[in-house]
Amino acid sequence: MDDLRIRSAVRADAERVLDFWTVAAEGTSISDDVEGVARLIDRDPRALLLAERDGELVGTVIAGFDGWRCHLYRLAVHPDRRRQGIAGALLRAAEERFTVLGGRRGDAMVLERNERAHHAWRSAGYAPEHHWRRWTKPFERTP
């Protein structure tokens, strides 16, 4: 793991990250476009963490903190690089970020159908809270 580098994304990484998610992430998001990734980076320049090995993007996680809660999204590892400790390293980096910011507990968005992800999150110490449900409403985009 000594050759794994974790850093915060910059705007120039947006297209690369989107391409990576088409290969490594499960599902898509309404924000999956260059504008959405750039907005995230502008709003919180340290939230999108990238794991790289020899310059190759091998993993991502979004570690967003709104001052109240610590939210984790888009934990993704390239299929050829899974089971090498990359997800764990990304989550440790995210948790360190949250601790420095005063966060007390992390919550993760995990697709119910993604069994492989369930195992990864459980092995990192996370567990589902069955008494909560996520409610969503997409907003209309204005030009």
N, C-alpha and C. Protein backbone atom coordinates (compact mmCIF):
# COMPACT_ATOMS: atom_id res chain seq x y z
N MET A 1 0.82 -1.20 0.00
CA MET A 1 0.00 0.00 0.00
C MET A 1 0.86 1.26 0.00
N ASP A 2 2.17 1.13 0.12
CA ASP A 2 3.03 2.31 0.14
C ASP A 2 2.96 3.11 -1.15
N ASP A 3 2.61 2.46 -2.25
CA ASP A 3 2.57 3.16 -3.53
C ASP A 3 1.20 3.77 -3.82
N LEU A 4 0.27 3.67 -2.87
CA LEU A 4 -1.06 4.26 -3.04
C LEU A 4 -1.03 5.70 -2.56
N ARG A 5 -1.49 6.60 -3.42
CA ARG A 5 -1.54 8.02 -3.09
C ARG A 5 -3.00 8.45 -3.03
N ILE A 6 -3.38 9.09 -1.94
CA ILE A 6 -4.74 9.62 -1.82
C ILE A 6 -4.64 11.13 -1.79
N ARG A 7 -5.43 11.76 -2.64
CA ARG A 7 -5.43 13.22 -2.73
C ARG A 7 -6.83 13.71 -3.02
N SER A 8 -7.02 15.00 -2.81
CA SER A 8 -8.29 15.64 -3.15
C SER A 8 -8.31 15.94 -4.64
N ALA A 9 -9.48 15.79 -5.24
CA ALA A 9 -9.64 16.08 -6.66
C ALA A 9 -9.60 17.57 -6.90
N VAL A 10 -9.23 17.93 -8.12
CA VAL A 10 -9.29 19.32 -8.60
C VAL A 10 -10.20 19.33 -9.82
N ARG A 11 -10.61 20.52 -10.23
CA ARG A 11 -11.54 20.63 -11.37
C ARG A 11 -11.07 19.87 -12.60
N ALA A 12 -9.78 19.87 -12.84
CA ALA A 12 -9.24 19.20 -14.03
C ALA A 12 -9.45 17.69 -13.99
N ASP A 13 -9.79 17.15 -12.83
CA ASP A 13 -10.04 15.70 -12.69
C ASP A 13 -11.47 15.30 -13.05
N ALA A 14 -12.36 16.24 -13.26
CA ALA A 14 -13.79 15.95 -13.39
C ALA A 14 -14.10 14.90 -14.46
N GLU A 15 -13.63 15.09 -15.67
CA GLU A 15 -13.93 14.12 -16.73
C GLU A 15 -13.31 12.76 -16.44
N ARG A 16 -12.11 12.76 -15.92
CA ARG A 16 -11.43 11.51 -15.57
C ARG A 16 -12.24 10.74 -14.51
N VAL A 17 -12.75 11.45 -13.52
CA VAL A 17 -13.55 10.83 -12.47
C VAL A 17 -14.85 10.26 -13.05
N LEU A 18 -15.51 11.01 -13.90
CA LEU A 18 -16.75 10.52 -14.52
C LEU A 18 -16.50 9.27 -15.35
N ASP A 19 -15.42 9.27 -16.12
CA ASP A 19 -15.06 8.07 -16.89
C ASP A 19 -14.79 6.89 -15.96
N PHE A 20 -14.10 7.15 -14.87
CA PHE A 20 -13.79 6.10 -13.90
C PHE A 20 -15.09 5.52 -13.31
N TRP A 21 -16.02 6.38 -12.97
CA TRP A 21 -17.28 5.91 -12.37
C TRP A 21 -18.07 5.02 -13.32
N THR A 22 -17.96 5.24 -14.63
CA THR A 22 -18.69 4.38 -15.57
C THR A 22 -18.16 2.95 -15.52
N VAL A 23 -16.92 2.78 -15.12
CA VAL A 23 -16.30 1.46 -15.04
C VAL A 23 -16.40 0.88 -13.62
N ALA A 24 -16.22 1.73 -12.61
CA ALA A 24 -16.02 1.23 -11.24
C ALA A 24 -17.20 1.42 -10.30
N ALA A 25 -18.08 2.36 -10.59
CA ALA A 25 -19.18 2.65 -9.66
C ALA A 25 -20.44 1.90 -10.05
N GLU A 26 -21.27 1.64 -9.10
CA GLU A 26 -22.56 0.98 -9.32
C GLU A 26 -23.63 2.06 -9.39
N GLY A 27 -24.36 2.10 -10.47
CA GLY A 27 -25.44 3.07 -10.59
C GLY A 27 -24.93 4.43 -11.04
N THR A 28 -25.87 5.31 -11.28
CA THR A 28 -25.54 6.67 -11.71
C THR A 28 -26.28 7.66 -10.82
N SER A 29 -25.87 8.90 -10.91
CA SER A 29 -26.46 9.97 -10.12
C SER A 29 -26.92 11.09 -11.03
N ILE A 30 -27.86 11.83 -10.58
CA ILE A 30 -28.36 12.98 -11.32
C ILE A 30 -27.25 14.03 -11.49
N SER A 31 -26.24 13.97 -10.66
CA SER A 31 -25.14 14.93 -10.71
C SER A 31 -23.93 14.44 -11.50
N ASP A 32 -24.08 13.34 -12.21
CA ASP A 32 -22.96 12.75 -12.96
C ASP A 32 -22.72 13.49 -14.27
N ASP A 33 -22.16 14.67 -14.14
CA ASP A 33 -21.70 15.42 -15.30
C ASP A 33 -20.57 16.32 -14.83
N VAL A 34 -19.84 16.88 -15.78
CA VAL A 34 -18.68 17.70 -15.42
C VAL A 34 -19.10 18.86 -14.52
N GLU A 35 -20.24 19.46 -14.84
CA GLU A 35 -20.74 20.58 -14.04
C GLU A 35 -20.99 20.15 -12.58
N GLY A 36 -21.58 18.97 -12.40
CA GLY A 36 -21.86 18.49 -11.05
C GLY A 36 -20.60 18.21 -10.25
N VAL A 37 -19.63 17.55 -10.88
CA VAL A 37 -18.37 17.26 -10.18
C VAL A 37 -17.63 18.57 -9.89
N ALA A 38 -17.60 19.49 -10.85
CA ALA A 38 -16.93 20.77 -10.64
C ALA A 38 -17.59 21.56 -9.51
N ARG A 39 -18.92 21.50 -9.44
CA ARG A 39 -19.64 22.20 -8.37
C ARG A 39 -19.25 21.63 -7.01
N LEU A 40 -19.16 20.31 -6.92
CA LEU A 40 -18.73 19.68 -5.67
C LEU A 40 -17.34 20.16 -5.27
N ILE A 41 -16.42 20.16 -6.20
CA ILE A 41 -15.04 20.57 -5.91
C ILE A 41 -14.98 22.04 -5.52
N ASP A 42 -15.75 22.88 -6.20
CA ASP A 42 -15.78 24.30 -5.85
C ASP A 42 -16.37 24.52 -4.46
N ARG A 43 -17.41 23.79 -4.14
CA ARG A 43 -18.11 23.95 -2.86
C ARG A 43 -17.28 23.44 -1.69
N ASP A 44 -16.63 22.29 -1.90
CA ASP A 44 -15.83 21.68 -0.84
C ASP A 44 -14.61 21.02 -1.48
N PRO A 45 -13.53 21.77 -1.66
CA PRO A 45 -12.37 21.30 -2.41
C PRO A 45 -11.70 20.03 -1.88
N ARG A 46 -12.02 19.62 -0.68
CA ARG A 46 -11.38 18.42 -0.13
C ARG A 46 -12.33 17.23 -0.02
N ALA A 47 -13.54 17.36 -0.53
CA ALA A 47 -14.54 16.31 -0.35
C ALA A 47 -14.32 15.10 -1.25
N LEU A 48 -13.92 15.31 -2.48
CA LEU A 48 -13.76 14.20 -3.42
C LEU A 48 -12.33 13.69 -3.33
N LEU A 49 -12.19 12.50 -2.74
CA LEU A 49 -10.87 11.90 -2.55
C LEU A 49 -10.60 10.89 -3.65
N LEU A 50 -9.41 10.96 -4.20
CA LEU A 50 -8.98 10.05 -5.26
C LEU A 50 -7.84 9.19 -4.76
N ALA A 51 -7.88 7.92 -5.08
CA ALA A 51 -6.77 7.01 -4.81
C ALA A 51 -6.09 6.72 -6.14
N GLU A 52 -4.78 6.92 -6.18
CA GLU A 52 -4.01 6.70 -7.39
C GLU A 52 -2.84 5.77 -7.10
N ARG A 53 -2.54 4.97 -8.07
CA ARG A 53 -1.36 4.09 -8.00
C ARG A 53 -0.63 4.25 -9.32
N ASP A 54 0.61 4.72 -9.25
CA ASP A 54 1.42 4.97 -10.46
C ASP A 54 0.68 5.85 -11.45
N GLY A 55 -0.01 6.87 -10.95
CA GLY A 55 -0.72 7.81 -11.81
C GLY A 55 -2.07 7.34 -12.29
N GLU A 56 -2.41 6.08 -12.04
CA GLU A 56 -3.69 5.52 -12.47
C GLU A 56 -4.74 5.74 -11.37
N LEU A 57 -5.91 6.23 -11.75
CA LEU A 57 -7.01 6.38 -10.82
C LEU A 57 -7.56 5.00 -10.49
N VAL A 58 -7.49 4.60 -9.22
CA VAL A 58 -7.94 3.26 -8.83
C VAL A 58 -9.10 3.28 -7.84
N GLY A 59 -9.44 4.45 -7.28
CA GLY A 59 -10.55 4.51 -6.34
C GLY A 59 -10.98 5.93 -6.03
N THR A 60 -12.24 6.06 -5.57
CA THR A 60 -12.78 7.36 -5.20
C THR A 60 -13.70 7.21 -4.00
N VAL A 61 -13.87 8.30 -3.29
CA VAL A 61 -14.96 8.42 -2.32
C VAL A 61 -15.24 9.91 -2.15
N ILE A 62 -16.50 10.24 -2.01
CA ILE A 62 -16.88 11.61 -1.68
C ILE A 62 -17.13 11.62 -0.18
N ALA A 63 -16.41 12.49 0.52
CA ALA A 63 -16.52 12.62 1.97
C ALA A 63 -17.01 14.04 2.28
N GLY A 64 -18.32 14.21 2.23
CA GLY A 64 -18.91 15.53 2.42
C GLY A 64 -19.32 15.77 3.86
N PHE A 65 -18.99 16.95 4.35
CA PHE A 65 -19.39 17.34 5.70
C PHE A 65 -20.11 18.67 5.62
N ASP A 66 -21.34 18.70 6.14
CA ASP A 66 -22.14 19.92 6.05
C ASP A 66 -22.15 20.71 7.36
N GLY A 67 -21.28 20.33 8.28
CA GLY A 67 -21.24 20.98 9.58
C GLY A 67 -22.09 20.25 10.62
N TRP A 68 -22.90 19.34 10.16
CA TRP A 68 -23.80 18.58 11.03
C TRP A 68 -23.56 17.08 10.90
N ARG A 69 -23.51 16.61 9.67
CA ARG A 69 -23.33 15.18 9.42
C ARG A 69 -22.21 14.93 8.43
N CYS A 70 -21.66 13.74 8.52
CA CYS A 70 -20.58 13.30 7.63
C CYS A 70 -21.18 12.30 6.64
N HIS A 71 -21.17 12.66 5.38
CA HIS A 71 -21.81 11.85 4.35
C HIS A 71 -20.77 11.24 3.41
N LEU A 72 -20.92 9.97 3.12
CA LEU A 72 -20.03 9.26 2.23
C LEU A 72 -20.80 8.78 1.00
N TYR A 73 -20.25 9.08 -0.16
CA TYR A 73 -20.85 8.70 -1.43
C TYR A 73 -19.75 8.21 -2.36
N ARG A 74 -20.16 7.48 -3.37
CA ARG A 74 -19.30 7.10 -4.48
C ARG A 74 -17.99 6.45 -4.07
N LEU A 75 -18.07 5.56 -3.07
CA LEU A 75 -16.92 4.71 -2.79
C LEU A 75 -16.85 3.73 -3.96
N ALA A 76 -15.81 3.84 -4.74
CA ALA A 76 -15.66 3.00 -5.93
C ALA A 76 -14.20 2.63 -6.10
N VAL A 77 -13.98 1.38 -6.44
CA VAL A 77 -12.63 0.89 -6.71
C VAL A 77 -12.67 0.18 -8.07
N HIS A 78 -11.66 0.42 -8.87
CA HIS A 78 -11.62 -0.21 -10.19
C HIS A 78 -11.74 -1.73 -10.03
N PRO A 79 -12.55 -2.37 -10.86
CA PRO A 79 -12.76 -3.82 -10.72
C PRO A 79 -11.47 -4.64 -10.70
N ASP A 80 -10.45 -4.22 -11.43
CA ASP A 80 -9.19 -4.97 -11.44
C ASP A 80 -8.33 -4.72 -10.21
N ARG A 81 -8.73 -3.77 -9.37
CA ARG A 81 -7.94 -3.38 -8.20
C ARG A 81 -8.63 -3.68 -6.87
N ARG A 82 -9.75 -4.36 -6.93
CA ARG A 82 -10.50 -4.64 -5.70
C ARG A 82 -9.78 -5.68 -4.85
N ARG A 83 -10.08 -5.65 -3.56
CA ARG A 83 -9.51 -6.57 -2.57
C ARG A 83 -8.01 -6.35 -2.39
N GLN A 84 -7.61 -5.08 -2.53
CA GLN A 84 -6.21 -4.70 -2.31
C GLN A 84 -6.08 -3.65 -1.22
N GLY A 85 -7.17 -3.37 -0.50
CA GLY A 85 -7.14 -2.41 0.59
C GLY A 85 -7.38 -0.97 0.18
N ILE A 86 -7.74 -0.74 -1.06
CA ILE A 86 -7.94 0.62 -1.55
C ILE A 86 -9.17 1.27 -0.90
N ALA A 87 -10.28 0.55 -0.86
CA ALA A 87 -11.50 1.10 -0.24
C ALA A 87 -11.24 1.44 1.23
N GLY A 88 -10.57 0.56 1.93
CA GLY A 88 -10.26 0.82 3.33
C GLY A 88 -9.39 2.05 3.50
N ALA A 89 -8.40 2.22 2.63
CA ALA A 89 -7.53 3.39 2.71
C ALA A 89 -8.32 4.67 2.43
N LEU A 90 -9.22 4.63 1.46
CA LEU A 90 -10.07 5.79 1.17
C LEU A 90 -10.97 6.12 2.35
N LEU A 91 -11.56 5.10 2.95
CA LEU A 91 -12.45 5.36 4.10
C LEU A 91 -11.67 5.89 5.29
N ARG A 92 -10.47 5.39 5.53
CA ARG A 92 -9.65 5.94 6.62
C ARG A 92 -9.35 7.41 6.37
N ALA A 93 -9.02 7.75 5.13
CA ALA A 93 -8.74 9.15 4.79
C ALA A 93 -10.00 10.01 5.00
N ALA A 94 -11.15 9.50 4.60
CA ALA A 94 -12.41 10.23 4.79
C ALA A 94 -12.70 10.42 6.28
N GLU A 95 -12.52 9.36 7.05
CA GLU A 95 -12.79 9.43 8.49
C GLU A 95 -11.83 10.40 9.19
N GLU A 96 -10.58 10.44 8.75
CA GLU A 96 -9.63 11.41 9.31
C GLU A 96 -10.09 12.82 8.99
N ARG A 97 -10.55 13.04 7.78
CA ARG A 97 -11.08 14.36 7.39
C ARG A 97 -12.23 14.75 8.29
N PHE A 98 -13.17 13.83 8.49
CA PHE A 98 -14.33 14.12 9.31
C PHE A 98 -13.93 14.43 10.76
N THR A 99 -13.02 13.68 11.29
CA THR A 99 -12.59 13.88 12.68
C THR A 99 -11.98 15.27 12.85
N VAL A 100 -11.13 15.67 11.92
CA VAL A 100 -10.51 17.00 11.98
C VAL A 100 -11.58 18.09 11.93
N LEU A 101 -12.64 17.86 11.14
CA LEU A 101 -13.70 18.85 11.00
C LEU A 101 -14.69 18.83 12.16
N GLY A 102 -14.55 17.88 13.08
CA GLY A 102 -15.46 17.79 14.23
C GLY A 102 -16.62 16.85 14.02
N GLY A 103 -16.59 16.06 12.96
CA GLY A 103 -17.67 15.11 12.70
C GLY A 103 -17.71 14.01 13.75
N ARG A 104 -18.89 13.48 13.97
CA ARG A 104 -19.08 12.47 15.01
C ARG A 104 -19.49 11.10 14.50
N ARG A 105 -20.05 11.06 13.29
CA ARG A 105 -20.50 9.77 12.75
C ARG A 105 -20.63 9.91 11.25
N GLY A 106 -20.19 8.88 10.55
CA GLY A 106 -20.32 8.89 9.10
C GLY A 106 -21.53 8.09 8.66
N ASP A 107 -22.19 8.56 7.63
CA ASP A 107 -23.25 7.76 7.02
C ASP A 107 -22.95 7.60 5.54
N ALA A 108 -23.35 6.47 5.00
CA ALA A 108 -23.01 6.12 3.63
C ALA A 108 -24.25 5.83 2.82
N MET A 109 -24.22 6.28 1.57
CA MET A 109 -25.25 5.93 0.61
C MET A 109 -24.81 4.64 -0.07
N VAL A 110 -25.57 3.56 0.13
CA VAL A 110 -25.21 2.26 -0.42
C VAL A 110 -26.44 1.67 -1.09
N LEU A 111 -26.32 1.31 -2.36
CA LEU A 111 -27.45 0.72 -3.07
C LEU A 111 -27.85 -0.60 -2.43
N GLU A 112 -29.12 -0.81 -2.24
CA GLU A 112 -29.60 -2.06 -1.63
C GLU A 112 -29.21 -3.27 -2.45
N ARG A 113 -29.20 -3.14 -3.76
CA ARG A 113 -28.92 -4.30 -4.62
C ARG A 113 -27.43 -4.62 -4.74
N ASN A 114 -26.56 -3.76 -4.22
CA ASN A 114 -25.12 -3.93 -4.40
C ASN A 114 -24.53 -4.73 -3.24
N GLU A 115 -24.69 -6.03 -3.30
CA GLU A 115 -24.22 -6.92 -2.23
C GLU A 115 -22.72 -6.81 -1.99
N ARG A 116 -21.95 -6.68 -3.05
CA ARG A 116 -20.49 -6.55 -2.90
C ARG A 116 -20.16 -5.34 -2.03
N ALA A 117 -20.88 -4.24 -2.26
CA ALA A 117 -20.65 -3.03 -1.47
C ALA A 117 -21.03 -3.26 -0.01
N HIS A 118 -22.08 -4.01 0.23
CA HIS A 118 -22.49 -4.28 1.62
C HIS A 118 -21.34 -4.92 2.38
N HIS A 119 -20.67 -5.87 1.76
CA HIS A 119 -19.54 -6.54 2.42
C HIS A 119 -18.41 -5.56 2.70
N ALA A 120 -18.11 -4.70 1.75
CA ALA A 120 -17.03 -3.72 1.92
C ALA A 120 -17.35 -2.76 3.06
N TRP A 121 -18.57 -2.25 3.08
CA TRP A 121 -18.95 -1.30 4.14
C TRP A 121 -18.95 -1.98 5.50
N ARG A 122 -19.49 -3.20 5.58
CA ARG A 122 -19.49 -3.91 6.86
C ARG A 122 -18.07 -4.16 7.36
N SER A 123 -17.18 -4.54 6.46
CA SER A 123 -15.81 -4.82 6.88
C SER A 123 -15.11 -3.56 7.39
N ALA A 124 -15.59 -2.39 6.98
CA ALA A 124 -15.04 -1.13 7.46
C ALA A 124 -15.74 -0.64 8.73
N GLY A 125 -16.69 -1.42 9.25
CA GLY A 125 -17.34 -1.07 10.51
C GLY A 125 -18.67 -0.36 10.38
N TYR A 126 -19.19 -0.23 9.17
CA TYR A 126 -20.48 0.44 8.96
C TYR A 126 -21.59 -0.60 8.97
N ALA A 127 -22.79 -0.16 9.34
CA ALA A 127 -23.95 -1.06 9.37
C ALA A 127 -25.19 -0.29 8.93
N PRO A 128 -26.13 -0.99 8.29
CA PRO A 128 -27.36 -0.30 7.87
C PRO A 128 -28.22 0.06 9.08
N GLU A 129 -28.95 1.15 8.95
CA GLU A 129 -29.94 1.55 9.95
C GLU A 129 -31.30 1.36 9.30
N HIS A 130 -31.97 0.31 9.66
CA HIS A 130 -33.21 -0.05 8.98
C HIS A 130 -34.40 0.84 9.34
N HIS A 131 -34.26 1.67 10.35
CA HIS A 131 -35.37 2.55 10.73
C HIS A 131 -35.35 3.86 9.94
N TRP A 132 -34.38 4.04 9.03
CA TRP A 132 -34.32 5.24 8.19
C TRP A 132 -34.55 4.87 6.74
N ARG A 133 -35.13 5.74 5.99
CA ARG A 133 -35.26 5.62 4.55
C ARG A 133 -34.84 6.93 3.93
N ARG A 134 -34.25 6.87 2.79
CA ARG A 134 -33.85 8.07 2.07
C ARG A 134 -35.03 8.53 1.23
N TRP A 135 -35.40 9.78 1.37
CA TRP A 135 -36.46 10.38 0.57
C TRP A 135 -35.80 11.37 -0.38
N THR A 136 -36.20 11.37 -1.62
CA THR A 136 -35.57 12.26 -2.59
C THR A 136 -36.61 13.00 -3.43
N LYS A 137 -36.19 14.10 -3.97
CA LYS A 137 -37.00 14.86 -4.92
C LYS A 137 -36.03 15.55 -5.88
N PRO A 138 -36.03 15.18 -7.14
CA PRO A 138 -35.15 15.90 -8.09
C PRO A 138 -35.68 17.32 -8.32
N PHE A 139 -34.77 18.26 -8.44
CA PHE A 139 -35.14 19.65 -8.73
C PHE A 139 -35.05 19.90 -10.22
N GLU A 140 -35.92 20.74 -10.70
CA GLU A 140 -35.85 21.14 -12.10
C GLU A 140 -34.63 22.03 -12.29
N ARG A 141 -33.94 21.81 -13.37
CA ARG A 141 -32.76 22.62 -13.67
C ARG A 141 -33.19 23.91 -14.34
N THR A 142 -32.61 25.00 -13.92
CA THR A 142 -32.86 26.27 -14.57
C THR A 142 -31.61 26.67 -15.35
N PRO A 143 -31.81 27.24 -16.51
CA PRO A 143 -30.64 27.60 -17.35
C PRO A 143 -29.78 28.68 -16.74
